[in-house]
Amino acid sequence: MILDRSLHHHAMLSLPESEKRGRPDILHFCLLEALGSPLNKRGNLSLYAHTLNEVALSFSQELRLPRDCYRFRSLMEQLLISGQVPPAPEKPLVVAKEKQLHQIKNELQPSRTIALTSNGHLEQLPALCKRLSEEKNPLVFIGAYPNGAMRLETLAEADERISIYPETLEAWTVVSRLIYEYEKTLTAA
């Protein structure tokens, strides 16, 4: 069962890092923003999620997510049970494997890793996207959870900590603005 803060609030209070749990809708909305973008449709975006329980999720560019969060939750439950969606051995659209963040990073071999965090060095988004477009294989971390700072071990995997706005922003806002600005940078080049 996927934890949902609106349904399981009291049961979650005793869990470690409970402030970062129970909001599958945040990941759902971020994925909808990213998967529906022209950047993804052109094959220029790879999407991964990493859970607090050290499960790595990789999402195919062809994935069409359910628009409804309840159906998304059911899909994520199926994924965590079977390890992939669809569960048949053909080409999966989503895969779940137990992996630590540094293992994912080692597999991806990024040329530069940026953690977008409200505690980072303030940089204008167009300037950041220009720098990212000059990288061979950039990797960007975005915290898709309701509250709290990124874990120190996550930040340690980043080459830089960048803030794109002087205040905290919702994850889906960061995803949509980053992708849009990056697309603009690519078309201007």
Protein backbone atom coordinates (compact mmCIF):
# COMPACT_ATOMS: atom_id res chain seq x y z
CA MET A 1 0.00 0.00 0.00
CA ILE A 2 1.29 3.45 -0.92
CA LEU A 3 1.14 5.82 2.02
CA ASP A 4 -1.06 8.86 1.54
CA ARG A 5 -0.92 11.66 4.10
CA SER A 6 -4.59 12.49 3.64
CA LEU A 7 -5.57 8.91 4.56
CA HIS A 8 -2.77 7.69 6.84
CA HIS A 9 -1.61 10.84 8.67
CA HIS A 10 -1.72 9.51 12.24
CA ALA A 11 -0.12 6.18 11.33
CA MET A 12 2.74 7.99 9.60
CA LEU A 13 3.72 10.31 12.46
CA SER A 14 6.08 7.77 14.03
CA LEU A 15 7.92 6.98 10.76
CA PRO A 16 11.40 8.39 10.22
CA GLU A 17 11.35 11.50 8.00
CA SER A 18 7.55 11.44 8.07
CA GLU A 19 7.48 15.01 6.74
CA LYS A 20 8.82 13.69 3.42
CA ARG A 21 6.32 10.85 3.07
CA GLY A 22 2.75 10.28 2.01
CA ARG A 23 2.33 12.60 -0.96
CA PRO A 24 2.33 10.46 -4.12
CA ASP A 25 0.43 13.28 -5.80
CA ILE A 26 3.61 15.39 -5.86
CA LEU A 27 5.54 12.78 -7.85
CA HIS A 28 2.48 12.21 -10.04
CA PHE A 29 2.18 15.88 -10.94
CA CYS A 30 5.94 16.24 -11.54
CA LEU A 31 5.91 13.22 -13.85
CA LEU A 32 2.88 14.51 -15.76
CA GLU A 33 4.69 17.83 -16.31
CA ALA A 34 7.88 16.12 -17.47
CA LEU A 35 6.45 13.29 -19.57
CA GLY A 36 4.11 15.64 -21.43
CA SER A 37 6.87 18.10 -22.32
CA PRO A 38 8.24 18.59 -25.84
CA LEU A 39 11.68 17.86 -24.35
CA ASN A 40 10.52 14.34 -23.46
CA LYS A 41 8.56 13.85 -26.68
CA ARG A 42 11.76 14.61 -28.63
CA GLY A 43 13.60 11.94 -26.61
CA ASN A 44 15.83 14.39 -24.75
CA LEU A 45 14.75 13.62 -21.18
CA SER A 46 15.37 10.67 -18.89
CA LEU A 47 13.32 10.46 -15.71
CA TYR A 48 14.17 8.69 -12.48
CA ALA A 49 12.78 8.83 -8.97
CA HIS A 50 14.51 7.64 -5.83
CA THR A 51 12.50 6.82 -2.72
CA LEU A 52 13.40 7.24 0.93
CA ASN A 53 13.50 3.43 1.09
CA GLU A 54 16.29 3.25 -1.52
CA VAL A 55 14.12 2.14 -4.44
CA ALA A 56 15.05 3.55 -7.84
CA LEU A 57 12.25 4.06 -10.34
CA SER A 58 13.03 4.58 -14.01
CA PHE A 59 10.36 5.83 -16.38
CA SER A 60 10.20 5.17 -20.12
CA GLN A 61 9.78 8.18 -22.38
CA GLU A 62 6.77 6.40 -23.92
CA LEU A 63 4.94 6.14 -20.60
CA ARG A 64 1.47 7.67 -20.50
CA LEU A 65 0.55 8.06 -16.87
CA PRO A 66 -3.02 7.91 -15.63
CA ARG A 67 -4.28 11.46 -15.14
CA ASP A 68 -6.07 10.48 -11.96
CA CYS A 69 -3.94 10.30 -8.78
CA TYR A 70 -5.88 7.28 -7.44
CA ARG A 71 -5.07 5.29 -10.57
CA PHE A 72 -1.47 6.52 -10.35
CA ARG A 73 -1.25 5.22 -6.77
CA SER A 74 -2.55 1.83 -7.92
CA LEU A 75 0.05 1.80 -10.70
CA MET A 76 2.82 2.56 -8.16
CA GLU A 77 1.55 -0.23 -5.88
CA GLN A 78 1.66 -2.67 -8.80
CA LEU A 79 5.18 -1.43 -9.63
CA LEU A 80 6.50 -1.95 -6.11
CA ILE A 81 4.99 -5.45 -5.96
CA SER A 82 6.04 -6.74 -9.38
CA GLY A 83 9.15 -4.61 -10.01
CA GLN A 84 7.93 -3.34 -13.35
CA VAL A 85 4.85 -2.08 -15.18
CA PRO A 86 3.43 -3.82 -17.06
CA PRO A 87 4.34 -6.92 -15.06
CA ALA A 88 4.79 -9.05 -18.19
CA PRO A 89 8.41 -9.55 -19.31
CA GLU A 90 8.06 -7.39 -22.46
CA LYS A 91 9.48 -3.90 -22.61
CA PRO A 92 8.49 -2.29 -19.29
CA LEU A 93 7.33 1.32 -19.07
CA VAL A 94 8.43 1.71 -15.43
CA VAL A 95 11.01 -0.34 -13.53
CA ALA A 96 11.67 -0.42 -9.77
CA LYS A 97 14.93 -1.73 -8.32
CA GLU A 98 16.53 -1.44 -4.92
CA LYS A 99 19.43 0.97 -5.46
CA GLN A 100 21.14 3.70 -3.56
CA LEU A 101 21.39 7.13 -5.16
CA HIS A 102 25.14 6.86 -5.73
CA GLN A 103 24.57 3.62 -7.66
CA ILE A 104 22.11 5.33 -9.99
CA LYS A 105 24.52 8.20 -10.48
CA ASN A 106 27.37 5.78 -11.26
CA GLU A 107 25.22 4.09 -13.91
CA LEU A 108 24.20 7.40 -15.50
CA GLN A 109 27.73 8.86 -15.50
CA PRO A 110 26.59 12.51 -15.49
CA SER A 111 28.98 15.20 -16.65
CA ARG A 112 27.57 17.57 -13.99
CA THR A 113 25.09 17.04 -11.15
CA ILE A 114 22.99 19.92 -9.83
CA ALA A 115 20.77 19.75 -6.75
CA LEU A 116 17.95 22.28 -6.98
CA THR A 117 17.30 23.32 -3.41
CA SER A 118 16.03 26.44 -1.69
CA ASN A 119 19.25 26.30 0.37
CA GLY A 120 21.51 26.60 -2.67
CA HIS A 121 23.38 29.41 -4.36
CA LEU A 122 20.84 31.69 -6.09
CA GLU A 123 21.13 31.54 -9.88
CA GLN A 124 18.76 32.77 -12.56
CA LEU A 125 17.10 29.88 -14.36
CA PRO A 126 18.09 30.99 -17.90
CA ALA A 127 21.76 31.10 -16.87
CA LEU A 128 21.52 27.67 -15.22
CA CYS A 129 19.83 26.15 -18.28
CA LYS A 130 22.49 27.61 -20.55
CA ARG A 131 25.15 25.94 -18.42
CA LEU A 132 23.19 22.65 -18.42
CA SER A 133 22.84 22.76 -22.22
CA GLU A 134 26.63 22.98 -22.51
CA GLU A 135 27.03 19.74 -20.53
CA LYS A 136 27.26 16.39 -22.29
CA ASN A 137 25.09 14.53 -19.76
CA PRO A 138 23.66 16.76 -16.99
CA LEU A 139 21.77 15.35 -14.01
CA VAL A 140 19.41 17.43 -11.88
CA PHE A 141 18.03 16.47 -8.46
CA ILE A 142 14.62 17.86 -7.48
CA GLY A 143 13.01 16.99 -4.14
CA ALA A 144 9.47 15.76 -4.91
CA TYR A 145 8.27 15.55 -1.32
CA PRO A 146 6.06 17.77 0.83
CA ASN A 147 8.50 19.25 3.34
CA GLY A 148 12.07 19.29 4.56
CA ALA A 149 15.51 19.71 3.08
CA MET A 150 17.26 17.22 0.84
CA ARG A 151 19.19 14.58 2.72
CA LEU A 152 22.86 15.35 3.26
CA GLU A 153 23.83 12.19 1.38
CA THR A 154 21.78 13.40 -1.60
CA LEU A 155 23.44 16.81 -1.53
CA ALA A 156 26.84 15.11 -1.27
CA GLU A 157 26.20 13.49 -4.67
CA ALA A 158 25.75 16.91 -6.31
CA ASP A 159 28.51 19.05 -7.76
CA GLU A 160 26.48 22.18 -7.01
CA ARG A 161 23.51 23.28 -4.92
CA ILE A 162 21.43 25.83 -6.79
CA SER A 163 18.33 27.79 -5.87
CA ILE A 164 16.31 29.25 -8.76
CA TYR A 165 14.15 31.49 -6.57
CA PRO A 166 14.72 33.24 -3.23
CA GLU A 167 11.86 31.31 -1.60
CA THR A 168 10.83 27.64 -1.54
CA LEU A 169 8.89 26.49 -4.61
CA GLU A 170 6.70 23.45 -5.14
CA ALA A 171 8.45 20.59 -6.95
CA TRP A 172 6.07 20.66 -9.93
CA THR A 173 6.74 24.38 -10.41
CA VAL A 174 10.48 23.70 -10.46
CA VAL A 175 10.03 20.80 -12.91
CA SER A 176 7.85 22.76 -15.33
CA ARG A 177 9.99 25.91 -15.27
CA LEU A 178 13.25 24.01 -15.59
CA ILE A 179 12.04 21.97 -18.55
CA TYR A 180 10.51 24.97 -20.31
CA GLU A 181 13.60 27.13 -19.86
CA TYR A 182 15.89 24.27 -20.91
CA GLU A 183 13.78 23.74 -24.06
CA LYS A 184 14.12 27.45 -24.88
CA THR A 185 17.88 27.21 -24.43
CA LEU A 186 18.11 24.21 -26.77
CA THR A 187 16.06 25.88 -29.53
CA ALA A 188 18.10 29.09 -29.27
CA ALA A 189 21.38 27.20 -29.74
